[in-house]
Amino acid sequence: MANVISDETIEYVGILAKLELTEEEKEKAKKDMGRMLDYIDKLNELDTEGIEPMSHVFSVNNVFREDVVVNGDDRDSILKNAPEKKDGAFKVPRTVE
C-alpha cells in the first residue's frame, strides 16, 4: 500500500463529515482510504490515449416530444369537487397575514 493516510487526515475528514470516530473506526477508515487511493493509482496506469471522455457507459439521447395540451381547460369539472370556490378558482384559508 503506497498511499498511507495520516491520522491528521482522518481527523480532518471526520470533522468535515461531522463524524465522531472511535480509534478502531479511524484505523479502518485509514486502511479503506489507502486502498481507494491505491486503486486510483492503478487506474492512472491505464493508457487512455485516443479514448474520448464519457459521462455514461451507454449512449444517452433525449427523446423529445411535442408539447401538446391534452387535458384542456376543464375548469368546471375540476372545481366540481372543491369545498369552496371563488372567481373560478379554489378558495383556501389564508396562510400569511
PDB file of N, CA and C in Angstrom:
ATOM      1  N   MET A   1       0.857  -1.179   0.000  1.00  0.00           N
ATOM      2  CA  MET A   1       0.000   0.000   0.000  1.00  0.00           C
ATOM      3  C   MET A   1       0.897   1.234   0.000  1.00  0.00           C
ATOM      4  N   ALA A   2       0.977   1.897  -1.160  1.00  0.00           N
ATOM      5  CA  ALA A   2       1.854   3.054  -1.305  1.00  0.00           C
ATOM      6  C   ALA A   2       1.245   4.306  -0.684  1.00  0.00           C
ATOM      7  N   ASN A   3      -0.054   4.392  -0.662  1.00  0.00           N
ATOM      8  CA  ASN A   3      -0.724   5.567  -0.117  1.00  0.00           C
ATOM      9  C   ASN A   3      -1.025   5.356   1.356  1.00  0.00           C
ATOM     10  N   VAL A   4      -0.322   6.088   2.197  1.00  0.00           N
ATOM     11  CA  VAL A   4      -0.535   5.995   3.637  1.00  0.00           C
ATOM     12  C   VAL A   4      -1.268   7.261   4.075  1.00  0.00           C
ATOM     13  N   ILE A   5      -2.386   7.077   4.710  1.00  0.00           N
ATOM     14  CA  ILE A   5      -3.206   8.190   5.180  1.00  0.00           C
ATOM     15  C   ILE A   5      -2.799   8.496   6.614  1.00  0.00           C
ATOM     16  N   SER A   6      -2.592   9.767   6.886  1.00  0.00           N
ATOM     17  CA  SER A   6      -2.162  10.157   8.236  1.00  0.00           C
ATOM     18  C   SER A   6      -3.355  10.262   9.188  1.00  0.00           C
ATOM     19  N   ASP A   7      -3.053  10.230  10.470  1.00  0.00           N
ATOM     20  CA  ASP A   7      -4.092  10.400  11.489  1.00  0.00           C
ATOM     21  C   ASP A   7      -4.749  11.769  11.369  1.00  0.00           C
ATOM     22  N   GLU A   8      -3.939  12.785  11.020  1.00  0.00           N
ATOM     23  CA  GLU A   8      -4.472  14.147  10.875  1.00  0.00           C
ATOM     24  C   GLU A   8      -5.495  14.213   9.743  1.00  0.00           C
ATOM     25  N   THR A   9      -5.222  13.496   8.657  1.00  0.00           N
ATOM     26  CA  THR A   9      -6.151  13.482   7.531  1.00  0.00           C
ATOM     27  C   THR A   9      -7.475  12.858   7.940  1.00  0.00           C
ATOM     28  N   ILE A  10      -7.407  11.751   8.671  1.00  0.00           N
ATOM     29  CA  ILE A  10      -8.633  11.094   9.138  1.00  0.00           C
ATOM     30  C   ILE A  10      -9.397  12.015  10.086  1.00  0.00           C
ATOM     31  N   GLU A  11      -8.700  12.686  10.978  1.00  0.00           N
ATOM     32  CA  GLU A  11      -9.350  13.635  11.895  1.00  0.00           C
ATOM     33  C   GLU A  11     -10.057  14.732  11.108  1.00  0.00           C
ATOM     34  N   TYR A  12      -9.354  15.275  10.098  1.00  0.00           N
ATOM     35  CA  TYR A  12      -9.895  16.370   9.296  1.00  0.00           C
ATOM     36  C   TYR A  12     -11.133  15.908   8.525  1.00  0.00           C
ATOM     37  N   VAL A  13     -11.064  14.730   7.914  1.00  0.00           N
ATOM     38  CA  VAL A  13     -12.212  14.204   7.180  1.00  0.00           C
ATOM     39  C   VAL A  13     -13.370  13.952   8.141  1.00  0.00           C
ATOM     40  N   GLY A  14     -13.081  13.461   9.318  1.00  0.00           N
ATOM     41  CA  GLY A  14     -14.114  13.249  10.329  1.00  0.00           C
ATOM     42  C   GLY A  14     -14.797  14.548  10.725  1.00  0.00           C
ATOM     43  N   ILE A  15     -14.008  15.614  10.861  1.00  0.00           N
ATOM     44  CA  ILE A  15     -14.578  16.926  11.198  1.00  0.00           C
ATOM     45  C   ILE A  15     -15.461  17.417  10.064  1.00  0.00           C
ATOM     46  N   LEU A  16     -14.964  17.301   8.823  1.00  0.00           N
ATOM     47  CA  LEU A  16     -15.750  17.749   7.667  1.00  0.00           C
ATOM     48  C   LEU A  16     -17.063  16.979   7.548  1.00  0.00           C
ATOM     49  N   ALA A  17     -17.010  15.678   7.839  1.00  0.00           N
ATOM     50  CA  ALA A  17     -18.200  14.838   7.733  1.00  0.00           C
ATOM     51  C   ALA A  17     -19.038  14.867   9.007  1.00  0.00           C
ATOM     52  N   LYS A  18     -18.574  15.614  10.000  1.00  0.00           N
ATOM     53  CA  LYS A  18     -19.250  15.710  11.298  1.00  0.00           C
ATOM     54  C   LYS A  18     -19.461  14.328  11.916  1.00  0.00           C
ATOM     55  N   LEU A  19     -18.375  13.540  11.904  1.00  0.00           N
ATOM     56  CA  LEU A  19     -18.401  12.201  12.479  1.00  0.00           C
ATOM     57  C   LEU A  19     -17.515  12.138  13.715  1.00  0.00           C
ATOM     58  N   GLU A  20     -17.964  11.408  14.686  1.00  0.00           N
ATOM     59  CA  GLU A  20     -17.132  11.118  15.842  1.00  0.00           C
ATOM     60  C   GLU A  20     -16.719   9.658  15.721  1.00  0.00           C
ATOM     61  N   LEU A  21     -15.467   9.438  15.348  1.00  0.00           N
ATOM     62  CA  LEU A  21     -14.984   8.090  15.105  1.00  0.00           C
ATOM     63  C   LEU A  21     -14.201   7.563  16.295  1.00  0.00           C
ATOM     64  N   THR A  22     -14.385   6.301  16.585  1.00  0.00           N
ATOM     65  CA  THR A  22     -13.565   5.658  17.606  1.00  0.00           C
ATOM     66  C   THR A  22     -12.195   5.383  16.989  1.00  0.00           C
ATOM     67  N   GLU A  23     -11.226   5.029  17.817  1.00  0.00           N
ATOM     68  CA  GLU A  23      -9.882   4.728  17.315  1.00  0.00           C
ATOM     69  C   GLU A  23      -9.921   3.564  16.329  1.00  0.00           C
ATOM     70  N   GLU A  24     -10.757   2.586  16.619  1.00  0.00           N
ATOM     71  CA  GLU A  24     -10.896   1.424  15.732  1.00  0.00           C
ATOM     72  C   GLU A  24     -11.466   1.848  14.370  1.00  0.00           C
ATOM     73  N   GLU A  25     -12.471   2.723  14.399  1.00  0.00           N
ATOM     74  CA  GLU A  25     -13.070   3.211  13.147  1.00  0.00           C
ATOM     75  C   GLU A  25     -12.086   4.060  12.356  1.00  0.00           C
ATOM     76  N   LYS A  26     -11.258   4.823  13.066  1.00  0.00           N
ATOM     77  CA  LYS A  26     -10.245   5.646  12.384  1.00  0.00           C
ATOM     78  C   LYS A  26      -9.231   4.764  11.669  1.00  0.00           C
ATOM     79  N   GLU A  27      -8.808   3.696  12.309  1.00  0.00           N
ATOM     80  CA  GLU A  27      -7.844   2.779  11.691  1.00  0.00           C
ATOM     81  C   GLU A  27      -8.446   2.116  10.458  1.00  0.00           C
ATOM     82  N   LYS A  28      -9.707   1.707  10.565  1.00  0.00           N
ATOM     83  CA  LYS A  28     -10.376   1.077   9.428  1.00  0.00           C
ATOM     84  C   LYS A  28     -10.522   2.086   8.294  1.00  0.00           C
ATOM     85  N   ALA A  29     -10.879   3.329   8.619  1.00  0.00           N
ATOM     86  CA  ALA A  29     -11.032   4.370   7.601  1.00  0.00           C
ATOM     87  C   ALA A  29      -9.699   4.647   6.906  1.00  0.00           C
ATOM     88  N   LYS A  30      -8.603   4.645   7.672  1.00  0.00           N
ATOM     89  CA  LYS A  30      -7.273   4.859   7.082  1.00  0.00           C
ATOM     90  C   LYS A  30      -6.956   3.776   6.065  1.00  0.00           C
ATOM     91  N   LYS A  31      -7.233   2.535   6.429  1.00  0.00           N
ATOM     92  CA  LYS A  31      -6.967   1.419   5.503  1.00  0.00           C
ATOM     93  C   LYS A  31      -7.846   1.518   4.264  1.00  0.00           C
ATOM     94  N   ASP A  32      -9.132   1.825   4.467  1.00  0.00           N
ATOM     95  CA  ASP A  32     -10.056   1.931   3.338  1.00  0.00           C
ATOM     96  C   ASP A  32      -9.641   3.052   2.386  1.00  0.00           C
ATOM     97  N   MET A  33      -9.292   4.208   2.933  1.00  0.00           N
ATOM     98  CA  MET A  33      -8.879   5.341   2.096  1.00  0.00           C
ATOM     99  C   MET A  33      -7.590   5.018   1.346  1.00  0.00           C
ATOM    100  N   GLY A  34      -6.689   4.349   2.014  1.00  0.00           N
ATOM    101  CA  GLY A  34      -5.444   3.953   1.372  1.00  0.00           C
ATOM    102  C   GLY A  34      -5.705   3.024   0.197  1.00  0.00           C
ATOM    103  N   ARG A  35      -6.615   2.056   0.385  1.00  0.00           N
ATOM    104  CA  ARG A  35      -6.954   1.133  -0.701  1.00  0.00           C
ATOM    105  C   ARG A  35      -7.618   1.874  -1.859  1.00  0.00           C
ATOM    106  N   MET A  36      -8.465   2.858  -1.551  1.00  0.00           N
ATOM    107  CA  MET A  36      -9.104   3.643  -2.611  1.00  0.00           C
ATOM    108  C   MET A  36      -8.063   4.401  -3.430  1.00  0.00           C
ATOM    109  N   LEU A  37      -7.118   5.028  -2.743  1.00  0.00           N
ATOM    110  CA  LEU A  37      -6.083   5.780  -3.448  1.00  0.00           C
ATOM    111  C   LEU A  37      -5.176   4.858  -4.253  1.00  0.00           C
ATOM    112  N   ASP A  38      -4.898   3.670  -3.734  1.00  0.00           N
ATOM    113  CA  ASP A  38      -4.112   2.690  -4.488  1.00  0.00           C
ATOM    114  C   ASP A  38      -4.836   2.294  -5.768  1.00  0.00           C
ATOM    115  N   TYR A  39      -6.139   2.117  -5.679  1.00  0.00           N
ATOM    116  CA  TYR A  39      -6.922   1.743  -6.854  1.00  0.00           C
ATOM    117  C   TYR A  39      -6.910   2.874  -7.887  1.00  0.00           C
ATOM    118  N   ILE A  40      -7.015   4.104  -7.424  1.00  0.00           N
ATOM    119  CA  ILE A  40      -6.954   5.252  -8.343  1.00  0.00           C
ATOM    120  C   ILE A  40      -5.597   5.296  -9.019  1.00  0.00           C
ATOM    121  N   ASP A  41      -4.527   5.027  -8.258  1.00  0.00           N
ATOM    122  CA  ASP A  41      -3.189   4.972  -8.863  1.00  0.00           C
ATOM    123  C   ASP A  41      -3.126   3.894  -9.936  1.00  0.00           C
ATOM    124  N   LYS A  42      -3.747   2.757  -9.671  1.00  0.00           N
ATOM    125  CA  LYS A  42      -3.762   1.664 -10.641  1.00  0.00           C
ATOM    126  C   LYS A  42      -4.509   2.102 -11.908  1.00  0.00           C
ATOM    127  N   LEU A  43      -5.629   2.786 -11.736  1.00  0.00           N
ATOM    128  CA  LEU A  43      -6.383   3.278 -12.891  1.00  0.00           C
ATOM    129  C   LEU A  43      -5.573   4.294 -13.692  1.00  0.00           C
ATOM    130  N   ASN A  44      -4.767   5.093 -12.993  1.00  0.00           N
ATOM    131  CA  ASN A  44      -3.949   6.095 -13.683  1.00  0.00           C
ATOM    132  C   ASN A  44      -2.873   5.462 -14.561  1.00  0.00           C
ATOM    133  N   GLU A  45      -2.552   4.195 -14.333  1.00  0.00           N
ATOM    134  CA  GLU A  45      -1.566   3.497 -15.145  1.00  0.00           C
ATOM    135  C   GLU A  45      -2.113   3.110 -16.521  1.00  0.00           C
ATOM    136  N   LEU A  46      -3.446   3.113 -16.658  1.00  0.00           N
ATOM    137  CA  LEU A  46      -4.054   2.717 -17.929  1.00  0.00           C
ATOM    138  C   LEU A  46      -3.748   3.724 -19.025  1.00  0.00           C
ATOM    139  N   ASP A  47      -3.527   3.219 -20.238  1.00  0.00           N
ATOM    140  CA  ASP A  47      -3.295   4.081 -21.392  1.00  0.00           C
ATOM    141  C   ASP A  47      -4.656   4.487 -21.959  1.00  0.00           C
ATOM    142  N   THR A  48      -5.009   5.733 -21.801  1.00  0.00           N
ATOM    143  CA  THR A  48      -6.291   6.225 -22.289  1.00  0.00           C
ATOM    144  C   THR A  48      -6.118   7.134 -23.502  1.00  0.00           C
ATOM    145  N   GLU A  49      -4.992   7.054 -24.140  1.00  0.00           N
ATOM    146  CA  GLU A  49      -4.723   7.869 -25.324  1.00  0.00           C
ATOM    147  C   GLU A  49      -5.730   7.509 -26.420  1.00  0.00           C
ATOM    148  N   GLY A  50      -6.381   8.511 -26.966  1.00  0.00           N
ATOM    149  CA  GLY A  50      -7.348   8.295 -28.043  1.00  0.00           C
ATOM    150  C   GLY A  50      -8.723   7.866 -27.572  1.00  0.00           C
ATOM    151  N   ILE A  51      -8.924   7.758 -26.277  1.00  0.00           N
ATOM    152  CA  ILE A  51     -10.231   7.379 -25.739  1.00  0.00           C
ATOM    153  C   ILE A  51     -10.976   8.658 -25.385  1.00  0.00           C
ATOM    154  N   GLU A  52     -12.169   8.812 -25.945  1.00  0.00           N
ATOM    155  CA  GLU A  52     -12.954  10.011 -25.662  1.00  0.00           C
ATOM    156  C   GLU A  52     -13.588   9.925 -24.280  1.00  0.00           C
ATOM    157  N   PRO A  53     -13.599  11.024 -23.536  1.00  0.00           N
ATOM    158  CA  PRO A  53     -14.261  11.023 -22.233  1.00  0.00           C
ATOM    159  C   PRO A  53     -15.763  10.801 -22.410  1.00  0.00           C
ATOM    160  N   MET A  54     -16.373  10.186 -21.414  1.00  0.00           N
ATOM    161  CA  MET A  54     -17.813   9.965 -21.479  1.00  0.00           C
ATOM    162  C   MET A  54     -18.430  10.178 -20.108  1.00  0.00           C
ATOM    163  N   SER A  55     -19.711  10.498 -20.119  1.00  0.00           N
ATOM    164  CA  SER A  55     -20.396  10.691 -18.852  1.00  0.00           C
ATOM    165  C   SER A  55     -21.259   9.492 -18.500  1.00  0.00           C
ATOM    166  N   HIS A  56     -21.559   8.643 -19.494  1.00  0.00           N
ATOM    167  CA  HIS A  56     -22.349   7.436 -19.270  1.00  0.00           C
ATOM    168  C   HIS A  56     -21.699   6.270 -20.001  1.00  0.00           C
ATOM    169  N   VAL A  57     -21.904   5.083 -19.484  1.00  0.00           N
ATOM    170  CA  VAL A  57     -21.383   3.898 -20.138  1.00  0.00           C
ATOM    171  C   VAL A  57     -22.126   3.660 -21.452  1.00  0.00           C
ATOM    172  N   PHE A  58     -23.427   3.898 -21.434  1.00  0.00           N
ATOM    173  CA  PHE A  58     -24.245   3.730 -22.625  1.00  0.00           C
ATOM    174  C   PHE A  58     -24.555   5.096 -23.205  1.00  0.00           C
ATOM    175  N   SER A  59     -24.731   5.155 -24.507  1.00  0.00           N
ATOM    176  CA  SER A  59     -25.071   6.446 -25.108  1.00  0.00           C
ATOM    177  C   SER A  59     -26.456   6.862 -24.644  1.00  0.00           C
ATOM    178  N   VAL A  60     -26.594   8.127 -24.335  1.00  0.00           N
ATOM    179  CA  VAL A  60     -27.848   8.649 -23.820  1.00  0.00           C
ATOM    180  C   VAL A  60     -28.344   9.707 -24.792  1.00  0.00           C
ATOM    181  N   ASN A  61     -29.560   9.524 -25.252  1.00  0.00           N
ATOM    182  CA  ASN A  61     -30.175  10.503 -26.149  1.00  0.00           C
ATOM    183  C   ASN A  61     -31.491  10.954 -25.543  1.00  0.00           C
ATOM    184  N   ASN A  62     -31.739  12.259 -25.583  1.00  0.00           N
ATOM    185  CA  ASN A  62     -33.015  12.768 -25.110  1.00  0.00           C
ATOM    186  C   ASN A  62     -34.084  12.454 -26.149  1.00  0.00           C
ATOM    187  N   VAL A  63     -35.234  12.068 -25.668  1.00  0.00           N
ATOM    188  CA  VAL A  63     -36.360  11.817 -26.555  1.00  0.00           C
ATOM    189  C   VAL A  63     -37.306  12.993 -26.380  1.00  0.00           C
ATOM    190  N   PHE A  64     -37.387  13.800 -27.415  1.00  0.00           N
ATOM    191  CA  PHE A  64     -38.226  14.984 -27.338  1.00  0.00           C
ATOM    192  C   PHE A  64     -39.595  14.679 -27.933  1.00  0.00           C
ATOM    193  N   ARG A  65     -40.596  15.286 -27.387  1.00  0.00           N
ATOM    194  CA  ARG A  65     -41.940  15.151 -27.934  1.00  0.00           C
ATOM    195  C   ARG A  65     -42.551  16.534 -28.040  1.00  0.00           C
ATOM    196  N   GLU A  66     -43.566  16.614 -28.812  1.00  0.00           N
ATOM    197  CA  GLU A  66     -44.274  17.869 -28.986  1.00  0.00           C
ATOM    198  C   GLU A  66     -44.982  18.227 -27.678  1.00  0.00           C
ATOM    199  N   ASP A  67     -44.932  19.472 -27.272  1.00  0.00           N
ATOM    200  CA  ASP A  67     -45.589  19.922 -26.050  1.00  0.00           C
ATOM    201  C   ASP A  67     -47.031  20.279 -26.386  1.00  0.00           C
ATOM    202  N   VAL A  68     -47.910  19.305 -26.170  1.00  0.00           N
ATOM    203  CA  VAL A  68     -49.305  19.473 -26.553  1.00  0.00           C
ATOM    204  C   VAL A  68     -50.170  19.350 -25.304  1.00  0.00           C
ATOM    205  N   VAL A  69     -51.098  20.274 -25.130  1.00  0.00           N
ATOM    206  CA  VAL A  69     -52.038  20.211 -24.014  1.00  0.00           C
ATOM    207  C   VAL A  69     -53.053  19.124 -24.316  1.00  0.00           C
ATOM    208  N   VAL A  70     -53.205  18.186 -23.374  1.00  0.00           N
ATOM    209  CA  VAL A  70     -54.123  17.077 -23.621  1.00  0.00           C
ATOM    210  C   VAL A  70     -55.375  17.135 -22.751  1.00  0.00           C
ATOM    211  N   ASN A  71     -55.313  17.820 -21.611  1.00  0.00           N
ATOM    212  CA  ASN A  71     -56.493  17.846 -20.749  1.00  0.00           C
ATOM    213  C   ASN A  71     -57.298  19.137 -20.901  1.00  0.00           C
ATOM    214  N   GLY A  72     -56.785  20.098 -21.595  1.00  0.00           N
ATOM    215  CA  GLY A  72     -57.524  21.308 -21.922  1.00  0.00           C
ATOM    216  C   GLY A  72     -57.988  22.104 -20.726  1.00  0.00           C
ATOM    217  N   ASP A  73     -58.935  22.981 -20.994  1.00  0.00           N
ATOM    218  CA  ASP A  73     -59.479  23.855 -19.954  1.00  0.00           C
ATOM    219  C   ASP A  73     -60.781  23.250 -19.452  1.00  0.00           C
ATOM    220  N   ASP A  74     -60.662  22.395 -18.466  1.00  0.00           N
ATOM    221  CA  ASP A  74     -61.814  21.696 -17.905  1.00  0.00           C
ATOM    222  C   ASP A  74     -62.085  22.218 -16.502  1.00  0.00           C
ATOM    223  N   ARG A  75     -62.111  23.536 -16.375  1.00  0.00           N
ATOM    224  CA  ARG A  75     -62.211  24.183 -15.065  1.00  0.00           C
ATOM    225  C   ARG A  75     -63.460  23.757 -14.299  1.00  0.00           C
ATOM    226  N   ASP A  76     -64.598  23.703 -14.972  1.00  0.00           N
ATOM    227  CA  ASP A  76     -65.842  23.367 -14.276  1.00  0.00           C
ATOM    228  C   ASP A  76     -65.785  21.971 -13.675  1.00  0.00           C
ATOM    229  N   SER A  77     -65.225  21.034 -14.420  1.00  0.00           N
ATOM    230  CA  SER A  77     -65.108  19.664 -13.927  1.00  0.00           C
ATOM    231  C   SER A  77     -64.147  19.597 -12.745  1.00  0.00           C
ATOM    232  N   ILE A  78     -63.056  20.346 -12.815  1.00  0.00           N
ATOM    233  CA  ILE A  78     -62.057  20.346 -11.739  1.00  0.00           C
ATOM    234  C   ILE A  78     -62.633  20.969 -10.473  1.00  0.00           C
ATOM    235  N   LEU A  79     -63.365  22.074 -10.622  1.00  0.00           N
ATOM    236  CA  LEU A  79     -63.904  22.788  -9.457  1.00  0.00           C
ATOM    237  C   LEU A  79     -65.169  22.147  -8.890  1.00  0.00           C
ATOM    238  N   LYS A  80     -65.690  21.127  -9.575  1.00  0.00           N
ATOM    239  CA  LYS A  80     -66.921  20.481  -9.120  1.00  0.00           C
ATOM    240  C   LYS A  80     -66.786  19.934  -7.702  1.00  0.00           C
ATOM    241  N   ASN A  81     -65.601  19.423  -7.338  1.00  0.00           N
ATOM    242  CA  ASN A  81     -65.397  18.828  -6.017  1.00  0.00           C
ATOM    243  C   ASN A  81     -64.727  19.773  -5.019  1.00  0.00           C
ATOM    244  N   ALA A  82     -64.557  21.029  -5.383  1.00  0.00           N
ATOM    245  CA  ALA A  82     -63.910  21.990  -4.482  1.00  0.00           C
ATOM    246  C   ALA A  82     -64.847  22.314  -3.327  1.00  0.00           C
ATOM    247  N   PRO A  83     -64.332  22.287  -2.085  1.00  0.00           N
ATOM    248  CA  PRO A  83     -65.190  22.640  -0.948  1.00  0.00           C
ATOM    249  C   PRO A  83     -65.657  24.091  -1.037  1.00  0.00           C
ATOM    250  N   GLU A  84     -64.756  24.974  -1.471  1.00  0.00           N
ATOM    251  CA  GLU A  84     -65.113  26.389  -1.657  1.00  0.00           C
ATOM    252  C   GLU A  84     -64.428  26.886  -2.924  1.00  0.00           C
ATOM    253  N   LYS A  85     -65.121  27.737  -3.681  1.00  0.00           N
ATOM    254  CA  LYS A  85     -64.523  28.315  -4.880  1.00  0.00           C
ATOM    255  C   LYS A  85     -64.852  29.793  -4.959  1.00  0.00           C
ATOM    256  N   LYS A  86     -64.004  30.529  -5.654  1.00  0.00           N
ATOM    257  CA  LYS A  86     -64.201  31.974  -5.802  1.00  0.00           C
ATOM    258  C   LYS A  86     -63.576  32.386  -7.133  1.00  0.00           C
ATOM    259  N   ASP A  87     -64.328  33.043  -7.949  1.00  0.00           N
ATOM    260  CA  ASP A  87     -63.876  33.553  -9.242  1.00  0.00           C
ATOM    261  C   ASP A  87     -63.213  32.462 -10.100  1.00  0.00           C
ATOM    262  N   GLY A  88     -63.794  31.279 -10.121  1.00  0.00           N
ATOM    263  CA  GLY A  88     -63.284  30.205 -10.961  1.00  0.00           C
ATOM    264  C   GLY A  88     -62.006  29.559 -10.455  1.00  0.00           C
ATOM    265  N   ALA A  89     -61.716  29.663  -9.143  1.00  0.00           N
ATOM    266  CA  ALA A  89     -60.505  29.065  -8.575  1.00  0.00           C
ATOM    267  C   ALA A  89     -60.848  28.472  -7.207  1.00  0.00           C
ATOM    268  N   PHE A  90     -59.954  27.625  -6.699  1.00  0.00           N
ATOM    269  CA  PHE A  90     -60.122  27.089  -5.358  1.00  0.00           C
ATOM    270  C   PHE A  90     -59.951  28.207  -4.351  1.00  0.00           C
ATOM    271  N   LYS A  91     -60.827  28.251  -3.334  1.00  0.00           N
ATOM    272  CA  LYS A  91     -60.652  29.205  -2.251  1.00  0.00           C
ATOM    273  C   LYS A  91     -60.087  28.438  -1.071  1.00  0.00           C
ATOM    274  N   VAL A  92     -58.951  28.916  -0.557  1.00  0.00           N
ATOM    275  CA  VAL A  92     -58.284  28.251   0.549  1.00  0.00           C
ATOM    276  C   VAL A  92     -58.100  29.223   1.695  1.00  0.00           C
ATOM    277  N   PRO A  93     -57.903  28.707   2.926  1.00  0.00           N
ATOM    278  CA  PRO A  93     -57.687  29.602   4.055  1.00  0.00           C
ATOM    279  C   PRO A  93     -56.406  30.409   3.873  1.00  0.00           C
ATOM    280  N   ARG A  94     -56.419  31.635   4.357  1.00  0.00           N
ATOM    281  CA  ARG A  94     -55.251  32.499   4.305  1.00  0.00           C
ATOM    282  C   ARG A  94     -54.162  31.913   5.199  1.00  0.00           C
ATOM    283  N   THR A  95     -52.943  31.848   4.678  1.00  0.00           N
ATOM    284  CA  THR A  95     -51.826  31.294   5.474  1.00  0.00           C
ATOM    285  C   THR A  95     -50.838  32.358   5.904  1.00  0.00           C
ATOM    286  N   VAL A  96     -50.868  33.520   5.273  1.00  0.00           N
ATOM    287  CA  VAL A  96     -49.938  34.594   5.605  1.00  0.00           C
ATOM    288  C   VAL A  96     -50.754  35.834   5.929  1.00  0.00           C
ATOM    289  N   GLU A  97     -50.440  36.439   7.038  1.00  0.00           N
ATOM    290  CA  GLU A  97     -51.154  37.677   7.449  1.00  0.00           C
ATOM    291  C   GLU A  97     -50.471  38.883   6.863  1.00  0.00           C
TER     292      GLU A  97
END
